[in-house]
Every structure is written in C-alpha cells, then in structure tokens.
C-alpha atoms as a PDB file:
ATOM      1  CA  UNK A   1     -12.356  29.600  16.395  1.00  0.00           C
ATOM      2  CA  UNK A   2      -8.486  29.876  14.469  1.00  0.00           C
ATOM      3  CA  UNK A   3      -5.506  30.102  16.140  1.00  0.00           C
ATOM      4  CA  UNK A   4      -2.130  30.080  14.874  1.00  0.00           C
ATOM      5  CA  UNK A   5       0.725  28.514  16.925  1.00  0.00           C
ATOM      6  CA  UNK A   6       4.799  28.978  16.116  1.00  0.00           C
ATOM      7  CA  UNK A   7       6.898  25.650  15.658  1.00  0.00           C
ATOM      8  CA  UNK A   8       9.986  25.546  14.712  1.00  0.00           C
ATOM      9  CA  UNK A   9       9.937  24.282  10.993  1.00  0.00           C
ATOM     10  CA  UNK A  10       6.136  24.034  10.800  1.00  0.00           C
ATOM     11  CA  UNK A  11       3.133  26.194  10.607  1.00  0.00           C
ATOM     12  CA  UNK A  12       0.470  25.391  12.706  1.00  0.00           C
ATOM     13  CA  UNK A  13      -2.979  26.325  13.220  1.00  0.00           C
ATOM     14  CA  UNK A  14      -5.676  25.297  15.708  1.00  0.00           C
ATOM     15  CA  UNK A  15      -9.294  24.820  14.939  1.00  0.00           C
ATOM     16  CA  UNK A  16     -11.891  24.079  17.384  1.00  0.00           C
ATOM     17  CA  UNK A  17     -15.919  23.925  15.851  1.00  0.00           C
ATOM     18  CA  UNK A  18     -19.002  23.763  17.804  1.00  0.00           C
ATOM     19  CA  UNK A  19     -21.163  20.467  16.539  1.00  0.00           C
ATOM     20  CA  UNK A  20     -24.013  18.604  17.703  1.00  0.00           C
ATOM     21  CA  UNK A  21     -23.176  15.286  20.051  1.00  0.00           C
ATOM     22  CA  UNK A  22     -26.152  13.986  17.395  1.00  0.00           C
ATOM     23  CA  UNK A  23     -25.565  15.234  13.874  1.00  0.00           C
ATOM     24  CA  UNK A  24     -29.453  14.552  13.495  1.00  0.00           C
ATOM     25  CA  UNK A  25     -30.266  16.354  16.599  1.00  0.00           C
ATOM     26  CA  UNK A  26     -29.138  19.719  15.120  1.00  0.00           C
ATOM     27  CA  UNK A  27     -30.803  21.676  18.463  1.00  0.00           C
ATOM     28  CA  UNK A  28     -29.358  19.080  20.937  1.00  0.00           C
ATOM     29  CA  UNK A  29     -26.169  19.075  23.339  1.00  0.00           C
ATOM     30  CA  UNK A  30     -23.345  20.097  21.457  1.00  0.00           C
ATOM     31  CA  UNK A  31     -19.412  19.701  21.710  1.00  0.00           C
ATOM     32  CA  UNK A  32     -16.241  20.928  20.787  1.00  0.00           C
ATOM     33  CA  UNK A  33     -14.576  19.220  18.320  1.00  0.00           C
ATOM     34  CA  UNK A  34     -10.619  19.918  17.683  1.00  0.00           C
ATOM     35  CA  UNK A  35      -8.127  19.944  14.503  1.00  0.00           C
ATOM     36  CA  UNK A  36      -4.620  21.235  14.247  1.00  0.00           C
ATOM     37  CA  UNK A  37      -3.689  22.016  10.805  1.00  0.00           C
ATOM     38  CA  UNK A  38      -0.053  21.720  10.126  1.00  0.00           C
ATOM     39  CA  UNK A  39       2.097  22.990   7.081  1.00  0.00           C
ATOM     40  CA  UNK A  40       5.605  23.606   5.499  1.00  0.00           C
ATOM     41  CA  UNK A  41       6.497  27.729   5.562  1.00  0.00           C
ATOM     42  CA  UNK A  42       5.939  27.323   1.917  1.00  0.00           C
ATOM     43  CA  UNK A  43       3.153  25.230   2.065  1.00  0.00           C
ATOM     44  CA  UNK A  44       0.289  27.212   3.507  1.00  0.00           C
ATOM     45  CA  UNK A  45      -1.604  26.742  -0.063  1.00  0.00           C
ATOM     46  CA  UNK A  46      -1.275  22.903  -0.406  1.00  0.00           C
ATOM     47  CA  UNK A  47      -4.134  20.692  -0.628  1.00  0.00           C
ATOM     48  CA  UNK A  48      -5.783  19.297   2.344  1.00  0.00           C
ATOM     49  CA  UNK A  49      -4.925  16.020   3.752  1.00  0.00           C
ATOM     50  CA  UNK A  50      -6.622  14.527   6.689  1.00  0.00           C
ATOM     51  CA  UNK A  51      -5.372  12.374   8.795  1.00  0.00           C
ATOM     52  CA  UNK A  52      -7.826  10.028  10.908  1.00  0.00           C
ATOM     53  CA  UNK A  53      -5.821   8.381  13.634  1.00  0.00           C
ATOM     54  CA  UNK A  54      -6.308   5.123  15.250  1.00  0.00           C
ATOM     55  CA  UNK A  55      -8.026   3.879  18.036  1.00  0.00           C
ATOM     56  CA  UNK A  56     -10.658   4.459  18.954  1.00  0.00           C
ATOM     57  CA  UNK A  57     -10.301   6.694  22.012  1.00  0.00           C
ATOM     58  CA  UNK A  58      -6.698   8.250  20.621  1.00  0.00           C
ATOM     59  CA  UNK A  59      -6.175  11.536  20.176  1.00  0.00           C
ATOM     60  CA  UNK A  60      -4.293  12.529  16.896  1.00  0.00           C
ATOM     61  CA  UNK A  61      -0.447  13.361  17.235  1.00  0.00           C
ATOM     62  CA  UNK A  62       1.030  16.218  18.605  1.00  0.00           C
ATOM     63  CA  UNK A  63       3.811  17.704  15.467  1.00  0.00           C
ATOM     64  CA  UNK A  64       7.353  18.515  15.826  1.00  0.00           C
ATOM     65  CA  UNK A  65       9.503  19.822  13.298  1.00  0.00           C
ATOM     66  CA  UNK A  66      12.653  19.431  15.057  1.00  0.00           C
ATOM     67  CA  UNK A  67      13.030  16.624  15.806  1.00  0.00           C
ATOM     68  CA  UNK A  68      10.285  15.746  12.904  1.00  0.00           C
ATOM     69  CA  UNK A  69       7.392  13.767  14.267  1.00  0.00           C
ATOM     70  CA  UNK A  70       5.295  12.356  13.485  1.00  0.00           C
ATOM     71  CA  UNK A  71       7.687  10.335  10.996  1.00  0.00           C
ATOM     72  CA  UNK A  72       5.839  10.728   8.466  1.00  0.00           C
ATOM     73  CA  UNK A  73       5.144  14.376   8.532  1.00  0.00           C
ATOM     74  CA  UNK A  74       7.474  15.353   6.469  1.00  0.00           C
ATOM     75  CA  UNK A  75       7.051  13.477   3.748  1.00  0.00           C
ATOM     76  CA  UNK A  76       3.528  14.232   3.202  1.00  0.00           C
ATOM     77  CA  UNK A  77       4.083  18.243   3.575  1.00  0.00           C
ATOM     78  CA  UNK A  78       5.323  18.035   0.630  1.00  0.00           C
ATOM     79  CA  UNK A  79       2.497  17.770  -0.882  1.00  0.00           C
ATOM     80  CA  UNK A  80       0.047  18.426   1.435  1.00  0.00           C
ATOM     81  CA  UNK A  81      -1.510  20.830   4.633  1.00  0.00           C
ATOM     82  CA  UNK A  82      -1.773  17.911   7.251  1.00  0.00           C
ATOM     83  CA  UNK A  83      -5.174  18.503   9.290  1.00  0.00           C
ATOM     84  CA  UNK A  84      -4.766  15.933  12.416  1.00  0.00           C
ATOM     85  CA  UNK A  85      -8.292  16.041  14.142  1.00  0.00           C
ATOM     86  CA  UNK A  86      -9.097  14.999  17.591  1.00  0.00           C
ATOM     87  CA  UNK A  87     -11.589  12.861  17.106  1.00  0.00           C
ATOM     88  CA  UNK A  88     -14.694  13.604  19.336  1.00  0.00           C
ATOM     89  CA  UNK A  89     -13.957  12.293  23.013  1.00  0.00           C
ATOM     90  CA  UNK A  90     -10.290  12.597  22.994  1.00  0.00           C
ATOM     91  CA  UNK A  91      -7.552  15.260  23.140  1.00  0.00           C
ATOM     92  CA  UNK A  92      -8.976  18.788  23.167  1.00  0.00           C
ATOM     93  CA  UNK A  93     -11.922  17.980  21.722  1.00  0.00           C
ATOM     94  CA  UNK A  94     -14.741  17.659  24.285  1.00  0.00           C
ATOM     95  CA  UNK A  95     -13.884  14.731  26.443  1.00  0.00           C
ATOM     96  CA  UNK A  96     -16.558  12.071  27.182  1.00  0.00           C
ATOM     97  CA  UNK A  97     -15.906  11.691  30.117  1.00  0.00           C
ATOM     98  CA  UNK A  98     -16.780   9.054  32.851  1.00  0.00           C
ATOM     99  CA  UNK A  99     -19.464   6.213  32.739  1.00  0.00           C
ATOM    100  CA  UNK A 100     -22.716   7.247  34.237  1.00  0.00           C
ATOM    101  CA  UNK A 101     -24.544   4.721  36.811  1.00  0.00           C
ATOM    102  CA  UNK A 102     -27.216   3.812  33.636  1.00  0.00           C
ATOM    103  CA  UNK A 103     -24.747   1.682  31.613  1.00  0.00           C
ATOM    104  CA  UNK A 104     -27.906   2.052  29.305  1.00  0.00           C
ATOM    105  CA  UNK A 105     -27.841   5.479  29.061  1.00  0.00           C
ATOM    106  CA  UNK A 106     -23.815   5.204  28.675  1.00  0.00           C
ATOM    107  CA  UNK A 107     -24.364   3.047  25.564  1.00  0.00           C
ATOM    108  CA  UNK A 108     -26.828   5.034  23.973  1.00  0.00           C
ATOM    109  CA  UNK A 109     -24.276   8.030  24.326  1.00  0.00           C
ATOM    110  CA  UNK A 110     -21.696   5.943  23.170  1.00  0.00           C
ATOM    111  CA  UNK A 111     -23.148   5.708  19.543  1.00  0.00           C
ATOM    112  CA  UNK A 112     -22.112   9.297  19.063  1.00  0.00           C
ATOM    113  CA  UNK A 113     -18.309   8.270  18.991  1.00  0.00           C
ATOM    114  CA  UNK A 114     -18.765   5.748  16.304  1.00  0.00           C
ATOM    115  CA  UNK A 115     -16.905   6.099  12.550  1.00  0.00           C
ATOM    116  CA  UNK A 116     -20.025   7.702  11.267  1.00  0.00           C
ATOM    117  CA  UNK A 117     -20.137  10.491  13.610  1.00  0.00           C
ATOM    118  CA  UNK A 118     -16.030  10.990  13.079  1.00  0.00           C
ATOM    119  CA  UNK A 119     -17.093  11.342   9.362  1.00  0.00           C
ATOM    120  CA  UNK A 120     -19.380  14.009   9.742  1.00  0.00           C
ATOM    121  CA  UNK A 121     -17.194  15.755  12.014  1.00  0.00           C
ATOM    122  CA  UNK A 122     -14.416  15.840   9.161  1.00  0.00           C
ATOM    123  CA  UNK A 123     -17.149  16.897   6.873  1.00  0.00           C
ATOM    124  CA  UNK A 124     -17.747  19.713   9.076  1.00  0.00           C
ATOM    125  CA  UNK A 125     -14.203  21.064   8.907  1.00  0.00           C
ATOM    126  CA  UNK A 126     -13.628  20.374   5.111  1.00  0.00           C
ATOM    127  CA  UNK A 127     -16.541  23.167   4.756  1.00  0.00           C
ATOM    128  CA  UNK A 128     -15.630  25.274   7.309  1.00  0.00           C
ATOM    129  CA  UNK A 129     -12.245  25.532   5.611  1.00  0.00           C
ATOM    130  CA  UNK A 130     -13.656  25.877   2.336  1.00  0.00           C
ATOM    131  CA  UNK A 131     -12.205  22.532   0.777  1.00  0.00           C
ATOM    132  CA  UNK A 132     -13.821  21.672  -2.048  1.00  0.00           C
ATOM    133  CA  UNK A 133     -12.457  17.824  -1.623  1.00  0.00           C
ATOM    134  CA  UNK A 134      -9.473  16.660   0.428  1.00  0.00           C
ATOM    135  CA  UNK A 135      -7.395  13.263   0.914  1.00  0.00           C
ATOM    136  CA  UNK A 136      -7.487  11.179   3.709  1.00  0.00           C
ATOM    137  CA  UNK A 137      -5.012   9.138   5.330  1.00  0.00           C
ATOM    138  CA  UNK A 138      -6.375   6.661   8.047  1.00  0.00           C
ATOM    139  CA  UNK A 139      -4.524   4.718  10.741  1.00  0.00           C
ATOM    140  CA  UNK A 140      -5.774   1.304  11.655  1.00  0.00           C
ATOM    141  CA  UNK A 141      -9.102   2.519  13.042  1.00  0.00           C
ATOM    142  CA  UNK A 142      -8.774   5.238  10.880  1.00  0.00           C
ATOM    143  CA  UNK A 143      -8.760   3.390   8.628  1.00  0.00           C
ATOM    144  CA  UNK A 144     -12.255   2.426   9.196  1.00  0.00           C
ATOM    145  CA  UNK A 145     -13.374   5.548   9.129  1.00  0.00           C
ATOM    146  CA  UNK A 146     -11.971   5.982   6.123  1.00  0.00           C
ATOM    147  CA  UNK A 147     -13.591   3.402   4.647  1.00  0.00           C
ATOM    148  CA  UNK A 148     -17.377   4.700   5.751  1.00  0.00           C
ATOM    149  CA  UNK A 149     -15.976   8.311   4.617  1.00  0.00           C
ATOM    150  CA  UNK A 150     -15.587   6.197   0.934  1.00  0.00           C
ATOM    151  CA  UNK A 151     -19.529   5.369   1.224  1.00  0.00           C
ATOM    152  CA  UNK A 152     -21.406   8.062   2.269  1.00  0.00           C
ATOM    153  CA  UNK A 153     -19.480  11.012   1.378  1.00  0.00           C
ATOM    154  CA  UNK A 154     -17.127  10.020  -2.084  1.00  0.00           C
ATOM    155  CA  UNK A 155     -17.669  13.013  -3.623  1.00  0.00           C
ATOM    156  CA  UNK A 156     -15.963  15.086  -1.191  1.00  0.00           C
ATOM    157  CA  UNK A 157     -12.303  13.061  -1.396  1.00  0.00           C
ATOM    158  CA  UNK A 158      -9.774  13.398  -4.122  1.00  0.00           C
ATOM    159  CA  UNK A 159      -7.767   9.966  -2.821  1.00  0.00           C
ATOM    160  CA  UNK A 160      -7.452   8.188   0.838  1.00  0.00           C
ATOM    161  CA  UNK A 161      -4.738   6.547   1.513  1.00  0.00           C
ATOM    162  CA  UNK A 162      -4.696   3.445   4.308  1.00  0.00           C
ATOM    163  CA  UNK A 163      -2.376   1.940   6.772  1.00  0.00           C
ATOM    164  CA  UNK A 164      -4.514  -0.287   8.453  1.00  0.00           C
ATOM    165  CA  UNK A 165      -8.143  -0.977   9.180  1.00  0.00           C
ATOM    166  CA  UNK A 166      -9.722  -2.231   5.931  1.00  0.00           C
ATOM    167  CA  UNK A 167     -12.621  -4.461   7.167  1.00  0.00           C
ATOM    168  CA  UNK A 168     -13.430  -7.911   5.563  1.00  0.00           C
ATOM    169  CA  UNK A 169     -16.606  -7.820   3.352  1.00  0.00           C
ATOM    170  CA  UNK A 170     -19.073 -10.387   4.018  1.00  0.00           C
ATOM    171  CA  UNK A 171     -17.597 -12.070   7.084  1.00  0.00           C
ATOM    172  CA  UNK A 172     -17.906 -11.587  10.564  1.00  0.00           C
ATOM    173  CA  UNK A 173     -15.217  -9.980  12.663  1.00  0.00           C
ATOM    174  CA  UNK A 174     -14.869 -13.142  14.729  1.00  0.00           C
ATOM    175  CA  UNK A 175     -14.042 -14.924  12.231  1.00  0.00           C
ATOM    176  CA  UNK A 176     -11.004 -11.997  11.026  1.00  0.00           C
ATOM    177  CA  UNK A 177      -9.831 -11.625  14.989  1.00  0.00           C
ATOM    178  CA  UNK A 178      -9.931 -15.589  14.994  1.00  0.00           C
ATOM    179  CA  UNK A 179      -7.019 -15.671  12.091  1.00  0.00           C
ATOM    180  CA  UNK A 180      -4.555 -13.894  13.966  1.00  0.00           C
ATOM    181  CA  UNK A 181      -4.256 -16.677  17.140  1.00  0.00           C
ATOM    182  CA  UNK A 182      -1.774 -18.295  15.388  1.00  0.00           C
ATOM    183  CA  UNK A 183       0.524 -15.585  14.119  1.00  0.00           C
ATOM    184  CA  UNK A 184       0.379 -14.552  17.738  1.00  0.00           C
ATOM    185  CA  UNK A 185       1.020 -18.159  19.622  1.00  0.00           C
ATOM    186  CA  UNK A 186       4.447 -17.779  16.509  1.00  0.00           C
ATOM    187  CA  UNK A 187       5.257 -14.407  18.247  1.00  0.00           C
ATOM    188  CA  UNK A 188       5.377 -15.852  21.525  1.00  0.00           C
ATOM    189  CA  UNK A 189       7.280 -18.592  20.788  1.00  0.00           C
ATOM    190  CA  UNK A 190       9.704 -16.319  18.908  1.00  0.00           C
ATOM    191  CA  UNK A 191       9.504 -14.241  21.731  1.00  0.00           C
ATOM    192  CA  UNK A 192      10.796 -16.833  24.631  1.00  0.00           C
ATOM    193  CA  UNK A 193      12.993 -18.306  22.222  1.00  0.00           C
ATOM    194  CA  UNK A 194      14.693 -15.385  21.986  1.00  0.00           C
ATOM    195  CA  UNK A 195      14.444 -14.607  25.441  1.00  0.00           C
ATOM    196  CA  UNK A 196      13.713 -17.601  27.674  1.00  0.00           C
ATOM    197  CA  UNK A 197      14.447 -16.151  31.044  1.00  0.00           C
ATOM    198  CA  UNK A 198      11.104 -14.157  30.716  1.00  0.00           C
ATOM    199  CA  UNK A 199       9.161 -17.086  30.512  1.00  0.00           C
ATOM    200  CA  UNK A 200       9.719 -17.283  34.161  1.00  0.00           C
ATOM    201  CA  UNK A 201       9.789 -13.491  35.038  1.00  0.00           C
ATOM    202  CA  UNK A 202       6.259 -13.214  32.932  1.00  0.00           C
ATOM    203  CA  UNK A 203       4.935 -15.661  35.516  1.00  0.00           C
ATOM    204  CA  UNK A 204       5.733 -13.938  38.131  1.00  0.00           C
ATOM    205  CA  UNK A 205       4.422 -10.619  37.232  1.00  0.00           C
ATOM    206  CA  UNK A 206       1.007 -12.592  36.845  1.00  0.00           C
ATOM    207  CA  UNK A 207       1.240 -13.944  40.130  1.00  0.00           C
ATOM    208  CA  UNK A 208       2.241 -10.667  41.544  1.00  0.00           C
ATOM    209  CA  UNK A 209      -1.034  -9.452  39.912  1.00  0.00           C
ATOM    210  CA  UNK A 210      -3.673 -12.391  41.081  1.00  0.00           C
ATOM    211  CA  UNK A 211      -1.809 -11.427  44.587  1.00  0.00           C
ATOM    212  CA  UNK A 212      -2.620  -7.974  44.048  1.00  0.00           C
ATOM    213  CA  UNK A 213       1.001  -7.101  44.614  1.00  0.00           C
ATOM    214  CA  UNK A 214       1.557  -5.197  41.376  1.00  0.00           C
ATOM    215  CA  UNK A 215      -0.150  -1.359  41.288  1.00  0.00           C
ATOM    216  CA  UNK A 216       0.006   1.870  39.297  1.00  0.00           C
ATOM    217  CA  UNK A 217       1.886   4.856  40.526  1.00  0.00           C
ATOM    218  CA  UNK A 218      -1.452   5.646  42.808  1.00  0.00           C
ATOM    219  CA  UNK A 219      -1.566   2.637  44.366  1.00  0.00           C
ATOM    220  CA  UNK A 220      -4.189   0.972  42.710  1.00  0.00           C
ATOM    221  CA  UNK A 221      -4.208  -2.901  41.459  1.00  0.00           C
ATOM    222  CA  UNK A 222      -3.028  -4.001  38.113  1.00  0.00           C
ATOM    223  CA  UNK A 223      -4.803  -7.040  36.913  1.00  0.00           C
ATOM    224  CA  UNK A 224      -3.893  -9.778  35.131  1.00  0.00           C
ATOM    225  CA  UNK A 225      -5.974  -9.482  31.796  1.00  0.00           C
ATOM    226  CA  UNK A 226      -4.423  -5.250  31.880  1.00  0.00           C
ATOM    227  CA  UNK A 227      -0.607  -6.845  32.231  1.00  0.00           C
ATOM    228  CA  UNK A 228      -1.639  -8.893  29.284  1.00  0.00           C
ATOM    229  CA  UNK A 229      -1.914  -6.023  26.994  1.00  0.00           C
ATOM    230  CA  UNK A 230       1.679  -5.329  26.691  1.00  0.00           C
ATOM    231  CA  UNK A 231       2.181  -8.258  24.370  1.00  0.00           C
ATOM    232  CA  UNK A 232       0.943  -5.797  21.688  1.00  0.00           C
ATOM    233  CA  UNK A 233       4.061  -4.906  21.004  1.00  0.00           C
ATOM    234  CA  UNK A 234       5.179  -7.717  19.560  1.00  0.00           C
ATOM    235  CA  UNK A 235       3.507  -6.539  16.342  1.00  0.00           C
ATOM    236  CA  UNK A 236       5.745  -3.739  15.829  1.00  0.00           C
ATOM    237  CA  UNK A 237       9.272  -3.204  14.970  1.00  0.00           C
ATOM    238  CA  UNK A 238      11.672  -2.873  18.276  1.00  0.00           C
ATOM    239  CA  UNK A 239       8.454  -4.344  20.030  1.00  0.00           C
ATOM    240  CA  UNK A 240      10.219  -7.747  21.508  1.00  0.00           C
ATOM    241  CA  UNK A 241      13.041  -5.751  22.649  1.00  0.00           C
ATOM    242  CA  UNK A 242      10.787  -3.344  24.535  1.00  0.00           C
ATOM    243  CA  UNK A 243       9.162  -5.978  26.033  1.00  0.00           C
ATOM    244  CA  UNK A 244      12.229  -7.437  27.693  1.00  0.00           C
ATOM    245  CA  UNK A 245      13.696  -4.878  28.572  1.00  0.00           C
ATOM    246  CA  UNK A 246      10.050  -4.188  30.825  1.00  0.00           C
ATOM    247  CA  UNK A 247      10.124  -7.998  31.481  1.00  0.00           C
ATOM    248  CA  UNK A 248      13.795  -7.772  32.978  1.00  0.00           C
ATOM    249  CA  UNK A 249      12.867  -5.440  36.207  1.00  0.00           C
ATOM    250  CA  UNK A 250      11.563  -6.075  39.622  1.00  0.00           C
ATOM    251  CA  UNK A 251       7.943  -5.681  39.018  1.00  0.00           C
ATOM    252  CA  UNK A 252       7.859  -3.721  42.571  1.00  0.00           C
ATOM    253  CA  UNK A 253      10.572  -1.572  40.997  1.00  0.00           C
ATOM    254  CA  UNK A 254       9.576   2.245  40.461  1.00  0.00           C
ATOM    255  CA  UNK A 255      10.943   2.152  37.170  1.00  0.00           C
ATOM    256  CA  UNK A 256       8.532  -0.074  36.154  1.00  0.00           C
ATOM    257  CA  UNK A 257       5.560   1.733  37.094  1.00  0.00           C
ATOM    258  CA  UNK A 258       5.744   5.029  34.905  1.00  0.00           C
ATOM    259  CA  UNK A 259       5.586   2.306  32.001  1.00  0.00           C
ATOM    260  CA  UNK A 260       2.427   1.094  33.614  1.00  0.00           C
ATOM    261  CA  UNK A 261       0.990   4.907  33.418  1.00  0.00           C
ATOM    262  CA  UNK A 262       0.183   4.860  30.244  1.00  0.00           C
ATOM    263  CA  UNK A 263      -2.445   1.794  29.893  1.00  0.00           C
ATOM    264  CA  UNK A 264      -3.514   2.355  33.134  1.00  0.00           C
ATOM    265  CA  UNK A 265      -4.699   5.933  33.091  1.00  0.00           C
ATOM    266  CA  UNK A 266      -6.503   4.787  29.672  1.00  0.00           C
ATOM    267  CA  UNK A 267      -8.255   2.242  31.733  1.00  0.00           C
ATOM    268  CA  UNK A 268      -9.268   4.701  34.388  1.00  0.00           C
ATOM    269  CA  UNK A 269     -10.399   7.657  32.325  1.00  0.00           C
ATOM    270  CA  UNK A 270     -11.832   6.030  29.217  1.00  0.00           C
ATOM    271  CA  UNK A 271     -13.676   2.876  30.344  1.00  0.00           C
ATOM    272  CA  UNK A 272     -16.540   2.936  28.039  1.00  0.00           C
ATOM    273  CA  UNK A 273     -15.031   4.326  25.516  1.00  0.00           C
ATOM    274  CA  UNK A 274     -12.666   0.971  25.667  1.00  0.00           C
ATOM    275  CA  UNK A 275     -15.465  -1.326  26.592  1.00  0.00           C
ATOM    276  CA  UNK A 276     -16.892  -0.134  23.501  1.00  0.00           C
ATOM    277  CA  UNK A 277     -14.222  -1.016  21.517  1.00  0.00           C
ATOM    278  CA  UNK A 278     -13.103  -4.128  22.644  1.00  0.00           C
ATOM    279  CA  UNK A 279     -13.474  -7.495  20.753  1.00  0.00           C
ATOM    280  CA  UNK A 280     -15.233 -10.164  21.944  1.00  0.00           C
ATOM    281  CA  UNK A 281     -12.417 -12.272  24.176  1.00  0.00           C
ATOM    282  CA  UNK A 282     -11.910 -15.564  23.407  1.00  0.00           C
ATOM    283  CA  UNK A 283     -10.487 -17.952  26.179  1.00  0.00           C
ATOM    284  CA  UNK A 284      -7.850 -20.249  25.622  1.00  0.00           C
ATOM    285  CA  UNK A 285      -7.383 -22.019  29.135  1.00  0.00           C
ATOM    286  CA  UNK A 286      -5.909 -20.146  31.938  1.00  0.00           C
ATOM    287  CA  UNK A 287      -4.257 -17.125  30.124  1.00  0.00           C
ATOM    288  CA  UNK A 288      -6.876 -15.686  27.182  1.00  0.00           C
ATOM    289  CA  UNK A 289      -5.831 -13.935  24.225  1.00  0.00           C
ATOM    290  CA  UNK A 290      -7.240 -10.381  24.370  1.00  0.00           C
ATOM    291  CA  UNK A 291      -8.985  -8.357  21.288  1.00  0.00           C
ATOM    292  CA  UNK A 292      -7.605  -5.021  21.226  1.00  0.00           C
ATOM    293  CA  UNK A 293      -9.340  -2.459  18.572  1.00  0.00           C
ATOM    294  CA  UNK A 294      -6.281  -2.994  16.305  1.00  0.00           C
ATOM    295  CA  UNK A 295      -6.206  -6.652  16.447  1.00  0.00           C
ATOM    296  CA  UNK A 296      -3.029  -7.019  18.124  1.00  0.00           C
ATOM    297  CA  UNK A 297      -3.317  -9.732  21.123  1.00  0.00           C
ATOM    298  CA  UNK A 298      -2.331  -9.880  24.667  1.00  0.00           C
ATOM    299  CA  UNK A 299       0.935 -11.266  25.478  1.00  0.00           C
ATOM    300  CA  UNK A 300       0.408 -15.388  27.155  1.00  0.00           C
ATOM    301  CA  UNK A 301       3.046 -17.411  28.555  1.00  0.00           C
END
C-alpha cells in the first residue's frame, strides 16, 4: 500500500508491507513494516538511498522540508530519493510490544528483530519498489545492518555509506567497548573542569534517585542507572552545555521532568529491546559506566 502525503518542499510516499515475523517461515505470523519514500519535487525518478537508523529500537527520522530535517536530507535529495525504513518493532511498523511472562520466549522472539531480519525486510522493499540496486546510508546500528547487507546481498547494492557502526574483525565486543573507558573519563574530567559546580549537583541528583525522590511525570521512580545515561550527550556537539542546562535545575522542578520523559518512555515501552541491545556492564567502583548499543557511556561523578 502506497500513500502520498503532501509536505512543503518535499514529496513523500508511505509504504507498508506485510512480511513474515520469521523470514524462514513464510506461512507463520506476519507483521507490518513501514517505510517512507522522500524526494525533492523534481527528483521523483532519482535512484534510491535507503537510510538505516541507529539504535536498535529507534524509528527513522520524520522529515520536514521547511525547515529541512534531518540536516543531511537536502544534500541527499540532490542525488537520491531517500527511503526511511522504520525497522521492525519501531515507529509505524508493528511494535514489539511488552515482554511476556516467559523470558525464554521473549528472547526467542527477539531473534526476529536483529540486523538479519531488517536486511530481509529491506530486500522485500527493494523488490516491491522495483529497484534493481540501491544505495545505503547506515547510521550507528544502521551501519552494522549495512555491513550485514553487504555480506548477504552485495549484488543489490550500488554503494554503502557509513556514519558509524563498523564492527571490528576478529575482536570481541568487550574489547572494543573497553577502549572507550579512557575517552569517557577524559570527557567527564573536561566537563567537570568547565562546570565544577555540577559535581555536587550530580551527586545530589544520584542520591535523590537512590532515595526514590526523583520521579518521571507518571510518578515512577527514576533509577541512578537510568540517570547516568544522560552522559551519552558528552560525545555530541553541544552535549556538555545540554547536560549543564539540565543539571542546573532543581531535580524536583517540573522543568526537569519533560527532559526525563523520553528515556523513561523508551525504558518502559521497549524494555526487552533495550535489554537485548545492552552490552555487558563493567563495574568501576560505585559508579559504573553503562555500555550502550551506540558505544556511548553514562556520566560518572
């Protein structure tokens, strides 16, 4: 099913396919997978560039023409039509849903939401759209998906662009994540040199989490472990300032709660996906650095 939606400065077409949950069992349970085709008004016949979002567990960006978003879209549309895939379990694709009572059954179901299944979904869209070959842009986890795509269906690809998500060859994931500890320590030290007053603020915030005093808008307690993940912004442009503007507020202030809404919502609505994506936690004294699927770390005090 294809539905064209008018957006100023863009032409968008929504596509939804019914696909097997398990591509090896075509007669079994089926799910819907959604993708949005985005083109410039004069570029509807340009070749496809498939955007594979980072995560896992995140939907594709929602494009706008005025102002242009995401920021790379105008440049891409000069040469391509962009297909933004809501990877299975996210966005307008059939949601994964809440975990059940049987962890083993949850784990088995999650095996159908990995990169291999996402690539099979993308191939289904390529055939549906009549593209002999197309290009990929893989961001973070999308880069891992792109590398798998190169391994299983290279003849379907014209080119692959990576903006992160290149796995090592011959080295376990723990070795790779261990190399980020020194970088995270440097970022923490740099942050606290710039904003020394935030060290005490962070300590009070974490103590408040331990006491159950820091809560989300629904009244649920926010854990110390979840709060520490705000440190992942230190690896981004402007991240230190963003973090400082959060920590300068009173944790009990209503102005803090909306900023906690997104991580808490993700934790509550996609717990099984988050568990599957999380790398092994390595302890470093009282304040552990939390490994995330994108390689970022939590903030330490």
